PDB file of N, CA and C in Angstrom:
ATOM      1  N   MET A   1     101.140 107.969  90.733  1.00  0.00           N
ATOM      2  CA  MET A   1     101.291 106.382  90.870  1.00  0.00           C
ATOM      3  C   MET A   1      99.608 106.234  90.529  1.00  0.00           C
ATOM      4  N   ASP A   2      99.775 104.997  89.638  1.00  0.00           N
ATOM      5  CA  ASP A   2      98.756 104.602  88.613  1.00  0.00           C
ATOM      6  C   ASP A   2      98.397 103.351  89.159  1.00  0.00           C
ATOM      7  N   LYS A   3      96.927 103.144  88.794  1.00  0.00           N
ATOM      8  CA  LYS A   3      96.888 101.366  89.466  1.00  0.00           C
ATOM      9  C   LYS A   3      97.676 100.324  89.252  1.00  0.00           C
ATOM     10  N   GLN A   4      97.868 100.289  87.940  1.00  0.00           N
ATOM     11  CA  GLN A   4      99.098  99.313  87.415  1.00  0.00           C
ATOM     12  C   GLN A   4     100.328  99.408  88.086  1.00  0.00           C
ATOM     13  N   TYR A   5     101.047 100.282  88.214  1.00  0.00           N
ATOM     14  CA  TYR A   5     102.473  99.950  89.669  1.00  0.00           C
ATOM     15  C   TYR A   5     101.671  99.772  90.794  1.00  0.00           C
ATOM     16  N   TYR A   6     100.270 100.545  91.310  1.00  0.00           N
ATOM     17  CA  TYR A   6     100.252 100.165  92.548  1.00  0.00           C
ATOM     18  C   TYR A   6      99.812  98.482  93.019  1.00  0.00           C
ATOM     19  N   PHE A   7      99.528  97.568  91.777  1.00  0.00           N
ATOM     20  CA  PHE A   7      99.176  96.652  91.858  1.00  0.00           C
ATOM     21  C   PHE A   7     100.330  95.486  91.168  1.00  0.00           C
ATOM     22  N   THR A   8     101.011  95.851  90.613  1.00  0.00           N
ATOM     23  CA  THR A   8     101.881  95.215  90.766  1.00  0.00           C
ATOM     24  C   THR A   8     103.258  94.912  91.633  1.00  0.00           C
ATOM     25  N   HIS A   9     103.310  96.383  92.219  1.00  0.00           N
ATOM     26  CA  HIS A   9     103.856  96.211  93.226  1.00  0.00           C
ATOM     27  C   HIS A   9     103.462  95.655  94.756  1.00  0.00           C
ATOM     28  N   LEU A  10     102.371  95.593  94.805  1.00  0.00           N
ATOM     29  CA  LEU A  10     101.359  94.964  95.874  1.00  0.00           C
ATOM     30  C   LEU A  10     101.317  93.084  95.969  1.00  0.00           C
ATOM     31  N   ILE A  11     101.419  92.986  94.525  1.00  0.00           N
ATOM     32  CA  ILE A  11     101.733  91.611  94.404  1.00  0.00           C
ATOM     33  C   ILE A  11     103.205  91.023  95.257  1.00  0.00           C
ATOM     34  N   TRP A  12     104.244  92.008  94.909  1.00  0.00           N
ATOM     35  CA  TRP A  12     105.690  92.043  95.395  1.00  0.00           C
ATOM     36  C   TRP A  12     105.446  91.980  97.103  1.00  0.00           C
ATOM     37  N   GLY A  13     104.796  92.811  97.274  1.00  0.00           N
ATOM     38  CA  GLY A  13     104.228  92.901  99.007  1.00  0.00           C
ATOM     39  C   GLY A  13     103.453  91.866  99.574  1.00  0.00           C
ATOM     40  N   VAL A  14     102.161  91.016  98.745  1.00  0.00           N
ATOM     41  CA  VAL A  14     101.494  89.754  99.387  1.00  0.00           C
ATOM     42  C   VAL A  14     103.212  88.827  99.434  1.00  0.00           C
ATOM     43  N   VAL A  15     103.600  88.829  98.482  1.00  0.00           N
ATOM     44  CA  VAL A  15     104.968  87.424  98.384  1.00  0.00           C
ATOM     45  C   VAL A  15     105.369  87.740  99.393  1.00  0.00           C
ATOM     46  N   MET A  16     105.894  89.034  99.919  1.00  0.00           N
ATOM     47  CA  MET A  16     106.902  88.999 101.055  1.00  0.00           C
ATOM     48  C   MET A  16     106.009  88.412 102.492  1.00  0.00           C
ATOM     49  N   PHE A  17     104.597  89.363 102.375  1.00  0.00           N
ATOM     50  CA  PHE A  17     103.854  89.055 103.885  1.00  0.00           C
ATOM     51  C   PHE A  17     104.070  87.185 103.868  1.00  0.00           C
ATOM     52  N   CYS A  18     103.697  86.678 102.803  1.00  0.00           N
ATOM     53  CA  CYS A  18     103.733  85.267 102.946  1.00  0.00           C
ATOM     54  C   CYS A  18     104.738  84.567 103.088  1.00  0.00           C
ATOM     55  N   VAL A  19     105.832  85.151 102.702  1.00  0.00           N
ATOM     56  CA  VAL A  19     107.587  84.374 102.754  1.00  0.00           C
ATOM     57  C   VAL A  19     107.294  84.645 104.918  1.00  0.00           C
ATOM     58  N   CYS A  20     107.535  86.337 104.730  1.00  0.00           N
ATOM     59  CA  CYS A  20     107.491  86.487 106.645  1.00  0.00           C
ATOM     60  C   CYS A  20     106.578  85.857 107.627  1.00  0.00           C
ATOM     61  N   ALA A  21     105.294  85.464 106.830  1.00  0.00           N
ATOM     62  CA  ALA A  21     104.363  85.095 107.644  1.00  0.00           C
ATOM     63  C   ALA A  21     104.164  83.293 107.716  1.00  0.00           C
ATOM     64  N   CYS A  22     104.836  82.676 106.880  1.00  0.00           N
ATOM     65  CA  CYS A  22     105.338  81.485 107.280  1.00  0.00           C
ATOM     66  C   CYS A  22     106.963  81.130 107.623  1.00  0.00           C
ATOM     67  N   THR A  23     107.490  82.310 107.818  1.00  0.00           N
ATOM     68  CA  THR A  23     108.866  81.937 108.528  1.00  0.00           C
ATOM     69  C   THR A  23     108.512  82.193 109.991  1.00  0.00           C
ATOM     70  N   TRP A  24     107.459  83.184 110.337  1.00  0.00           N
ATOM     71  CA  TRP A  24     107.013  82.835 112.045  1.00  0.00           C
ATOM     72  C   TRP A  24     106.125  82.277 112.568  1.00  0.00           C
ATOM     73  N   TYR A  25     105.524  81.679 111.660  1.00  0.00           N
ATOM     74  CA  TYR A  25     104.364  80.296 112.179  1.00  0.00           C
ATOM     75  C   TYR A  25     105.644  78.920 112.366  1.00  0.00           C
ATOM     76  N   GLY A  26     106.709  79.541 111.508  1.00  0.00           N
ATOM     77  CA  GLY A  26     107.554  77.967 111.917  1.00  0.00           C
ATOM     78  C   GLY A  26     107.995  78.208 113.352  1.00  0.00           C
ATOM     79  N   LEU A  27     108.387  79.307 113.827  1.00  0.00           N
ATOM     80  CA  LEU A  27     108.890  79.576 115.036  1.00  0.00           C
ATOM     81  C   LEU A  27     108.503  78.895 115.913  1.00  0.00           C
ATOM     82  N   PRO A  28     108.676  78.105 116.838  1.00  0.00           N
ATOM     83  CA  PRO A  28     108.435  77.355 118.143  1.00  0.00           C
ATOM     84  C   PRO A  28     107.236  78.042 119.265  1.00  0.00           C
ATOM     85  N   SER A  29     107.509  79.133 119.443  1.00  0.00           N
ATOM     86  CA  SER A  29     106.389  80.304 120.035  1.00  0.00           C
ATOM     87  C   SER A  29     105.097  80.605 119.413  1.00  0.00           C
ATOM     88  N   ALA A  30     105.427  80.447 118.436  1.00  0.00           N
ATOM     89  CA  ALA A  30     104.170  81.379 117.305  1.00  0.00           C
ATOM     90  C   ALA A  30     102.762  80.604 117.283  1.00  0.00           C
ATOM     91  N   GLY A  31     102.830  79.545 117.542  1.00  0.00           N
ATOM     92  CA  GLY A  31     101.155  78.597 117.698  1.00  0.00           C
ATOM     93  C   GLY A  31     100.460  79.095 119.270  1.00  0.00           C
ATOM     94  N   ASP A  32     101.036  80.339 119.703  1.00  0.00           N
ATOM     95  CA  ASP A  32     100.113  80.821 120.918  1.00  0.00           C
ATOM     96  C   ASP A  32      99.052  81.719 120.379  1.00  0.00           C
ATOM     97  N   LEU A  33      99.516  82.559 119.447  1.00  0.00           N
ATOM     98  CA  LEU A  33      98.519  83.517 119.074  1.00  0.00           C
ATOM     99  C   LEU A  33      98.106  83.381 117.439  1.00  0.00           C
ATOM    100  N   ALA A  34      96.998  83.496 117.175  1.00  0.00           N
ATOM    101  CA  ALA A  34      96.548  83.236 116.082  1.00  0.00           C
ATOM    102  C   ALA A  34      96.707  84.320 115.196  1.00  0.00           C
ATOM    103  N   LEU A  35      96.670  85.132 115.725  1.00  0.00           N
ATOM    104  CA  LEU A  35      96.870  86.539 114.818  1.00  0.00           C
ATOM    105  C   LEU A  35      97.678  87.546 116.086  1.00  0.00           C
ATOM    106  N   SER A  36      98.591  88.067 115.690  1.00  0.00           N
ATOM    107  CA  SER A  36      99.696  88.818 116.585  1.00  0.00           C
ATOM    108  C   SER A  36     100.211  90.160 115.762  1.00  0.00           C
ATOM    109  N   LYS A  37     100.976  90.542 116.881  1.00  0.00           N
ATOM    110  CA  LYS A  37     101.423  91.705 116.092  1.00  0.00           C
ATOM    111  C   LYS A  37     102.292  91.828 114.896  1.00  0.00           C
ATOM    112  N   GLU A  38     102.518  90.955 114.941  1.00  0.00           N
ATOM    113  CA  GLU A  38     103.620  90.679 113.629  1.00  0.00           C
ATOM    114  C   GLU A  38     103.089  90.259 112.689  1.00  0.00           C
ATOM    115  N   ILE A  39     102.021  89.656 112.567  1.00  0.00           N
ATOM    116  CA  ILE A  39     101.302  89.393 111.147  1.00  0.00           C
ATOM    117  C   ILE A  39     100.603  90.700 110.853  1.00  0.00           C
ATOM    118  N   VAL A  40      99.840  91.399 112.193  1.00  0.00           N
ATOM    119  CA  VAL A  40      98.894  92.300 111.453  1.00  0.00           C
ATOM    120  C   VAL A  40      99.812  93.304 110.412  1.00  0.00           C
ATOM    121  N   PHE A  41     100.889  93.644 111.092  1.00  0.00           N
ATOM    122  CA  PHE A  41     102.380  94.453 110.938  1.00  0.00           C
ATOM    123  C   PHE A  41     102.830  93.990 109.341  1.00  0.00           C
ATOM    124  N   TYR A  42     102.790  93.020 109.215  1.00  0.00           N
ATOM    125  CA  TYR A  42     103.344  92.059 107.720  1.00  0.00           C
ATOM    126  C   TYR A  42     102.223  92.694 107.115  1.00  0.00           C
ATOM    127  N   GLY A  43     100.860  92.340 107.127  1.00  0.00           N
ATOM    128  CA  GLY A  43      99.837  92.805 106.017  1.00  0.00           C
ATOM    129  C   GLY A  43     100.051  94.315 105.878  1.00  0.00           C
ATOM    130  N   VAL A  44     100.148  95.084 107.151  1.00  0.00           N
ATOM    131  CA  VAL A  44      99.888  96.108 106.784  1.00  0.00           C
ATOM    132  C   VAL A  44     101.407  96.798 105.631  1.00  0.00           C
ATOM    133  N   SER A  45     102.342  96.390 106.411  1.00  0.00           N
ATOM    134  CA  SER A  45     103.369  96.537 105.140  1.00  0.00           C
ATOM    135  C   SER A  45     103.137  96.218 103.568  1.00  0.00           C
ATOM    136  N   ALA A  46     102.592  94.916 103.977  1.00  0.00           N
ATOM    137  CA  ALA A  46     102.424  94.591 102.142  1.00  0.00           C
ATOM    138  C   ALA A  46     101.620  95.278 101.373  1.00  0.00           C
ATOM    139  N   VAL A  47     100.659  95.893 101.800  1.00  0.00           N
ATOM    140  CA  VAL A  47      99.376  97.145 101.422  1.00  0.00           C
ATOM    141  C   VAL A  47     100.379  98.145 101.169  1.00  0.00           C
ATOM    142  N   LEU A  48     101.130  98.679 102.138  1.00  0.00           N
ATOM    143  CA  LEU A  48     101.734  99.732 102.022  1.00  0.00           C
ATOM    144  C   LEU A  48     103.144  99.932 101.247  1.00  0.00           C
ATOM    145  N   TYR A  49     103.550  98.789 100.759  1.00  0.00           N
ATOM    146  CA  TYR A  49     104.432  98.369  99.946  1.00  0.00           C
ATOM    147  C   TYR A  49     104.793  99.273  98.833  1.00  0.00           C
ATOM    148  N   PRO A  50     103.877  99.538  97.994  1.00  0.00           N
ATOM    149  CA  PRO A  50     103.877 100.118  96.434  1.00  0.00           C
ATOM    150  C   PRO A  50     104.380 101.645  96.913  1.00  0.00           C
ATOM    151  N   PHE A  51     103.397 102.242  97.958  1.00  0.00           N
ATOM    152  CA  PHE A  51     103.814 103.661  98.701  1.00  0.00           C
ATOM    153  C   PHE A  51     105.218 104.217  99.137  1.00  0.00           C
ATOM    154  N   SER A  52     106.152 102.630  99.741  1.00  0.00           N
ATOM    155  CA  SER A  52     107.117 103.058  99.901  1.00  0.00           C
ATOM    156  C   SER A  52     108.310 103.232  99.015  1.00  0.00           C
ATOM    157  N   LYS A  53     108.011 101.562  98.162  1.00  0.00           N
ATOM    158  CA  LYS A  53     108.852 101.671  97.064  1.00  0.00           C
ATOM    159  C   LYS A  53     108.906 102.917  96.004  1.00  0.00           C
ATOM    160  N   LYS A  54     107.700 103.840  96.028  1.00  0.00           N
ATOM    161  CA  LYS A  54     107.491 104.873  95.105  1.00  0.00           C
ATOM    162  C   LYS A  54     108.269 106.340  95.713  1.00  0.00           C
ATOM    163  N   PHE A  55     108.003 105.855  97.138  1.00  0.00           N
ATOM    164  CA  PHE A  55     108.656 107.259  97.385  1.00  0.00           C
ATOM    165  C   PHE A  55     110.478 107.161  97.434  1.00  0.00           C
ATOM    166  N   LEU A  56     111.075 105.577  97.562  1.00  0.00           N
ATOM    167  CA  LEU A  56     112.450 105.985  97.690  1.00  0.00           C
ATOM    168  C   LEU A  56     112.773 105.921  96.329  1.00  0.00           C
ATOM    169  N   GLU A  57     111.951 105.594  95.267  1.00  0.00           N
ATOM    170  CA  GLU A  57     112.369 105.949  93.932  1.00  0.00           C
ATOM    171  C   GLU A  57     112.307 107.197  93.818  1.00  0.00           C
ATOM    172  N   GLY A  58     111.401 108.316  93.435  1.00  0.00           N
ATOM    173  CA  GLY A  58     111.284 109.316  93.671  1.00  0.00           C
ATOM    174  C   GLY A  58     112.386 110.292  94.696  1.00  0.00           C
ATOM    175  N   ILE A  59     112.422 109.839  95.728  1.00  0.00           N
ATOM    176  CA  ILE A  59     113.698 110.556  96.318  1.00  0.00           C
ATOM    177  C   ILE A  59     115.048 110.247  96.009  1.00  0.00           C
ATOM    178  N   ALA A  60     115.125 109.014  95.420  1.00  0.00           N
ATOM    179  CA  ALA A  60     116.212 108.664  94.640  1.00  0.00           C
ATOM    180  C   ALA A  60     116.423 109.419  93.060  1.00  0.00           C
ATOM    181  N   LEU A  61     115.526 109.562  92.664  1.00  0.00           N
ATOM    182  CA  LEU A  61     115.484 110.947  91.187  1.00  0.00           C
ATOM    183  C   LEU A  61     115.866 111.955  91.240  1.00  0.00           C
ATOM    184  N   ASN A  62     115.667 112.301  92.576  1.00  0.00           N
ATOM    185  CA  ASN A  62     115.656 113.954  92.664  1.00  0.00           C
ATOM    186  C   ASN A  62     117.365 114.212  93.159  1.00  0.00           C
ATOM    187  N   PHE A  63     117.886 113.237  93.442  1.00  0.00           N
ATOM    188  CA  PHE A  63     119.372 113.628  93.381  1.00  0.00           C
ATOM    189  C   PHE A  63     120.348 112.630  91.947  1.00  0.00           C
ATOM    190  N   THR A  64     119.515 112.115  91.660  1.00  0.00           N
ATOM    191  CA  THR A  64     120.502 111.208  90.577  1.00  0.00           C
ATOM    192  C   THR A  64     119.950 111.065  88.971  1.00  0.00           C
ATOM    193  N   SER A  65     120.320 110.371  87.894  1.00  0.00           N
ATOM    194  CA  SER A  65     119.662 110.679  86.611  1.00  0.00           C
ATOM    195  C   SER A  65     118.933 109.070  86.785  1.00  0.00           C
ATOM    196  N   LYS A  66     118.833 108.544  85.933  1.00  0.00           N
ATOM    197  CA  LYS A  66     118.062 107.030  85.251  1.00  0.00           C
ATOM    198  C   LYS A  66     119.344 106.489  85.066  1.00  0.00           C
ATOM    199  N   GLU A  67     120.184 107.148  84.326  1.00  0.00           N
ATOM    200  CA  GLU A  67     121.518 106.347  83.812  1.00  0.00           C
ATOM    201  C   GLU A  67     122.372 105.788  84.708  1.00  0.00           C
ATOM    202  N   PHE A  68     122.510 106.761  86.049  1.00  0.00           N
ATOM    203  CA  PHE A  68     123.082 106.501  87.090  1.00  0.00           C
ATOM    204  C   PHE A  68     122.851 104.862  87.791  1.00  0.00           C
ATOM    205  N   TRP A  69     121.796 104.352  87.471  1.00  0.00           N
ATOM    206  CA  TRP A  69     121.448 103.397  88.049  1.00  0.00           C
ATOM    207  C   TRP A  69     121.844 102.012  87.404  1.00  0.00           C
ATOM    208  N   TYR A  70     122.050 102.338  85.941  1.00  0.00           N
ATOM    209  CA  TYR A  70     122.331 101.017  85.048  1.00  0.00           C
ATOM    210  C   TYR A  70     123.838 101.267  84.558  1.00  0.00           C
ATOM    211  N   SER A  71     124.865 102.026  85.249  1.00  0.00           N
ATOM    212  CA  SER A  71     125.751 101.734  84.757  1.00  0.00           C
ATOM    213  C   SER A  71     127.269 101.855  86.172  1.00  0.00           C
ATOM    214  N   GLY A  72     128.259 101.365  85.983  1.00  0.00           N
ATOM    215  CA  GLY A  72     129.037 101.518  86.950  1.00  0.00           C
ATOM    216  C   GLY A  72     129.177  99.883  88.097  1.00  0.00           C
ATOM    217  N   PHE A  73     128.720 100.446  89.326  1.00  0.00           N
ATOM    218  CA  PHE A  73     128.294  99.625  90.119  1.00  0.00           C
ATOM    219  C   PHE A  73     127.242  98.696  90.143  1.00  0.00           C
ATOM    220  N   PHE A  74     126.325  99.678  89.226  1.00  0.00           N
ATOM    221  CA  PHE A  74     124.495  98.961  89.163  1.00  0.00           C
ATOM    222  C   PHE A  74     124.488  98.339  87.955  1.00  0.00           C
ATOM    223  N   LYS A  75     125.730  98.044  87.289  1.00  0.00           N
ATOM    224  CA  LYS A  75     125.502  96.853  86.208  1.00  0.00           C
ATOM    225  C   LYS A  75     124.648  95.683  86.488  1.00  0.00           C
ATOM    226  N   GLU A  76     123.802  95.433  85.506  1.00  0.00           N
ATOM    227  CA  GLU A  76     123.168  94.037  85.644  1.00  0.00           C
ATOM    228  C   GLU A  76     124.465  92.809  85.637  1.00  0.00           C
ATOM    229  N   GLY A  77     124.141  91.958  86.985  1.00  0.00           N
ATOM    230  CA  GLY A  77     124.803  91.385  87.203  1.00  0.00           C
ATOM    231  C   GLY A  77     124.589  90.817  89.090  1.00  0.00           C
ATOM    232  N   THR A  78     125.472  89.704  89.494  1.00  0.00           N
ATOM    233  CA  THR A  78     124.817  88.970  90.539  1.00  0.00           C
ATOM    234  C   THR A  78     124.768  90.241  91.597  1.00  0.00           C
ATOM    235  N   ALA A  79     125.926  90.687  91.665  1.00  0.00           N
ATOM    236  CA  ALA A  79     126.007  91.824  92.448  1.00  0.00           C
ATOM    237  C   ALA A  79     124.535  92.646  92.851  1.00  0.00           C
ATOM    238  N   LYS A  80     124.243  93.357  91.456  1.00  0.00           N
ATOM    239  CA  LYS A  80     123.130  93.681  91.545  1.00  0.00           C
ATOM    240  C   LYS A  80     121.763  93.282  91.995  1.00  0.00           C
ATOM    241  N   ASN A  81     121.760  91.806  91.921  1.00  0.00           N
ATOM    242  CA  ASN A  81     120.622  91.116  92.540  1.00  0.00           C
ATOM    243  C   ASN A  81     120.763  90.575  93.557  1.00  0.00           C
ATOM    244  N   SER A  82     121.749  91.240  94.483  1.00  0.00           N
ATOM    245  CA  SER A  82     122.068  91.031  96.109  1.00  0.00           C
ATOM    246  C   SER A  82     121.785  92.412  96.170  1.00  0.00           C
ATOM    247  N   ILE A  83     121.952  93.572  95.406  1.00  0.00           N
ATOM    248  CA  ILE A  83     121.009  94.942  95.469  1.00  0.00           C
ATOM    249  C   ILE A  83     119.876  95.131  95.718  1.00  0.00           C
ATOM    250  N   TYR A  84     119.202  94.406  94.558  1.00  0.00           N
ATOM    251  CA  TYR A  84     117.724  94.372  94.961  1.00  0.00           C
ATOM    252  C   TYR A  84     116.802  93.741  96.157  1.00  0.00           C
ATOM    253  N   VAL A  85     117.600  92.473  96.056  1.00  0.00           N
ATOM    254  CA  VAL A  85     117.168  92.008  97.297  1.00  0.00           C
ATOM    255  C   VAL A  85     117.065  92.952  98.880  1.00  0.00           C
ATOM    256  N   MET A  86     118.175  93.416  98.950  1.00  0.00           N
ATOM    257  CA  MET A  86     118.221  94.205  99.887  1.00  0.00           C
ATOM    258  C   MET A  86     117.273  95.574 100.147  1.00  0.00           C
ATOM    259  N   TYR A  87     116.983  96.211  98.695  1.00  0.00           N
ATOM    260  CA  TYR A  87     116.232  97.447  98.571  1.00  0.00           C
ATOM    261  C   TYR A  87     114.887  96.548  99.137  1.00  0.00           C
ATOM    262  N   TYR A  88     114.533  95.639  98.136  1.00  0.00           N
ATOM    263  CA  TYR A  88     113.010  95.479  98.613  1.00  0.00           C
ATOM    264  C   TYR A  88     112.631  95.132 100.090  1.00  0.00           C
ATOM    265  N   ALA A  89     113.620  94.300 100.841  1.00  0.00           N
ATOM    266  CA  ALA A  89     113.379  94.036 101.844  1.00  0.00           C
ATOM    267  C   ALA A  89     113.789  95.858 103.105  1.00  0.00           C
ATOM    268  N   PHE A  90     114.257  96.296 102.411  1.00  0.00           N
ATOM    269  CA  PHE A  90     113.952  97.784 103.151  1.00  0.00           C
ATOM    270  C   PHE A  90     113.136  98.349 102.638  1.00  0.00           C
ATOM    271  N   CYS A  91     112.501  98.718 101.906  1.00  0.00           N
ATOM    272  CA  CYS A  91     111.334  98.958 101.364  1.00  0.00           C
ATOM    273  C   CYS A  91     109.798  98.498 102.033  1.00  0.00           C
ATOM    274  N   TYR A  92     109.922  96.787 102.408  1.00  0.00           N
ATOM    275  CA  TYR A  92     108.695  96.155 102.900  1.00  0.00           C
ATOM    276  C   TYR A  92     109.323  96.591 104.933  1.00  0.00           C
ATOM    277  N   ILE A  93     110.270  96.731 104.984  1.00  0.00           N
ATOM    278  CA  ILE A  93     110.212  96.680 106.591  1.00  0.00           C
ATOM    279  C   ILE A  93     109.832  98.134 107.328  1.00  0.00           C
ATOM    280  N   LEU A  94     110.604  98.897 106.275  1.00  0.00           N
ATOM    281  CA  LEU A  94     109.960 100.525 106.308  1.00  0.00           C
ATOM    282  C   LEU A  94     108.807 100.845 105.909  1.00  0.00           C
ATOM    283  N   ALA A  95     108.055 100.306 104.997  1.00  0.00           N
ATOM    284  CA  ALA A  95     106.816 100.617 104.514  1.00  0.00           C
ATOM    285  C   ALA A  95     105.839 101.766 105.182  1.00  0.00           C
ATOM    286  N   VAL A  96     105.590 101.519 106.108  1.00  0.00           N
ATOM    287  CA  VAL A  96     105.005 102.304 107.146  1.00  0.00           C
ATOM    288  C   VAL A  96     104.855 103.499 107.248  1.00  0.00           C
ATOM    289  N   PRO A  97     106.652 104.019 107.253  1.00  0.00           N
ATOM    290  CA  PRO A  97     106.997 105.203 107.628  1.00  0.00           C
ATOM    291  C   PRO A  97     107.193 106.058 106.538  1.00  0.00           C
ATOM    292  N   PHE A  98     107.519 105.324 105.442  1.00  0.00           N
ATOM    293  CA  PHE A  98     107.802 105.612 103.917  1.00  0.00           C
ATOM    294  C   PHE A  98     106.599 106.297 103.232  1.00  0.00           C
ATOM    295  N   SER A  99     105.460 105.512 103.601  1.00  0.00           N
ATOM    296  CA  SER A  99     104.126 105.406 103.280  1.00  0.00           C
ATOM    297  C   SER A  99     103.454 107.033 103.653  1.00  0.00           C
ATOM    298  N   VAL A 100     103.525 106.872 104.984  1.00  0.00           N
ATOM    299  CA  VAL A 100     103.520 108.323 105.769  1.00  0.00           C
ATOM    300  C   VAL A 100     104.101 109.604 105.128  1.00  0.00           C
ATOM    301  N   MET A 101     105.237 108.982 104.875  1.00  0.00           N
ATOM    302  CA  MET A 101     106.220 110.450 104.050  1.00  0.00           C
ATOM    303  C   MET A 101     105.689 110.735 102.591  1.00  0.00           C
ATOM    304  N   PHE A 102     105.158 109.301 102.048  1.00  0.00           N
ATOM    305  CA  PHE A 102     104.587 109.656 100.534  1.00  0.00           C
ATOM    306  C   PHE A 102     103.521 110.285 100.445  1.00  0.00           C
ATOM    307  N   VAL A 103     102.352 109.951 101.751  1.00  0.00           N
ATOM    308  CA  VAL A 103     101.239 110.540 101.710  1.00  0.00           C
ATOM    309  C   VAL A 103     101.728 112.488 101.600  1.00  0.00           C
ATOM    310  N   MET A 104     102.491 112.701 102.495  1.00  0.00           N
ATOM    311  CA  MET A 104     102.552 113.712 103.295  1.00  0.00           C
ATOM    312  C   MET A 104     103.874 114.903 102.054  1.00  0.00           C
ATOM    313  N   ARG A 105     104.407 113.887 101.713  1.00  0.00           N
ATOM    314  CA  ARG A 105     105.159 114.330  99.988  1.00  0.00           C
ATOM    315  C   ARG A 105     104.267 114.993  99.148  1.00  0.00           C
ATOM    316  N   PHE A 106     103.085 113.950  98.869  1.00  0.00           N
ATOM    317  CA  PHE A 106     102.094 114.343  97.797  1.00  0.00           C
ATOM    318  C   PHE A 106     101.237 115.391  98.122  1.00  0.00           C
ATOM    319  N   PHE A 107     100.659 115.255  99.345  1.00  0.00           N
ATOM    320  CA  PHE A 107      99.418 117.034  99.760  1.00  0.00           C
ATOM    321  C   PHE A 107     100.517 118.034  99.715  1.00  0.00           C
ATOM    322  N   THR A 108     102.162 117.578  99.746  1.00  0.00           N
ATOM    323  CA  THR A 108     103.112 119.420  99.697  1.00  0.00           C
ATOM    324  C   THR A 108     103.019 119.797  98.588  1.00  0.00           C
ATOM    325  N   VAL A 109     103.432 118.773  97.449  1.00  0.00           N
ATOM    326  CA  VAL A 109     103.445 119.480  96.471  1.00  0.00           C
ATOM    327  C   VAL A 109     102.126 119.394  95.572  1.00  0.00           C
ATOM    328  N   ARG A 110     101.223 118.671  95.661  1.00  0.00           N
ATOM    329  CA  ARG A 110     100.088 119.069  95.266  1.00  0.00           C
ATOM    330  C   ARG A 110      99.540 120.575  96.075  1.00  0.00           C
ATOM    331  N   ALA A 111      99.882 120.915  96.885  1.00  0.00           N
ATOM    332  CA  ALA A 111      99.533 122.408  97.753  1.00  0.00           C
ATOM    333  C   ALA A 111     100.054 123.433  97.232  1.00  0.00           C
ATOM    334  N   SER A 112     101.642 123.193  96.802  1.00  0.00           N
ATOM    335  CA  SER A 112     102.425 123.949  96.229  1.00  0.00           C
ATOM    336  C   SER A 112     101.778 124.155  94.362  1.00  0.00           C
ATOM    337  N   LEU A 113     101.458 123.257  94.086  1.00  0.00           N
ATOM    338  CA  LEU A 113     100.606 123.532  92.925  1.00  0.00           C
ATOM    339  C   LEU A 113      99.517 124.416  92.877  1.00  0.00           C
ATOM    340  N   ARG A 114      99.013 124.280  93.925  1.00  0.00           N
ATOM    341  CA  ARG A 114      97.424 125.037  93.272  1.00  0.00           C
ATOM    342  C   ARG A 114      98.051 126.702  93.949  1.00  0.00           C
ATOM    343  N   LYS A 115      99.426 127.004  94.746  1.00  0.00           N
ATOM    344  CA  LYS A 115      99.453 128.661  94.472  1.00  0.00           C
ATOM    345  C   LYS A 115      99.947 129.076  93.281  1.00  0.00           C
TER     346      LYS A 115
END
């Protein structure tokens, strides 16, 4: 992962953080705590979102080819846009565990290359 990839996807993570934080602050009982566990979780997920996305892309491309994702059901259209929304939300919500798996995979591959 290079810096450009990280910062490009970090922007999307921050956008999702803003959406989640604004939605959370709109709840009736949200005014009780200025900095709650949910806001901290949203912030951590925003920072780790690029790692999560890269991990899922790597796993998917281990089992399929790039052409698979541009043909058949995945052709450009409204159905694919809905899949994008679900995919980005999935990456954002599970950013913490996927980022841990990304780091473990990174060090495992790195250790196997040294042998």
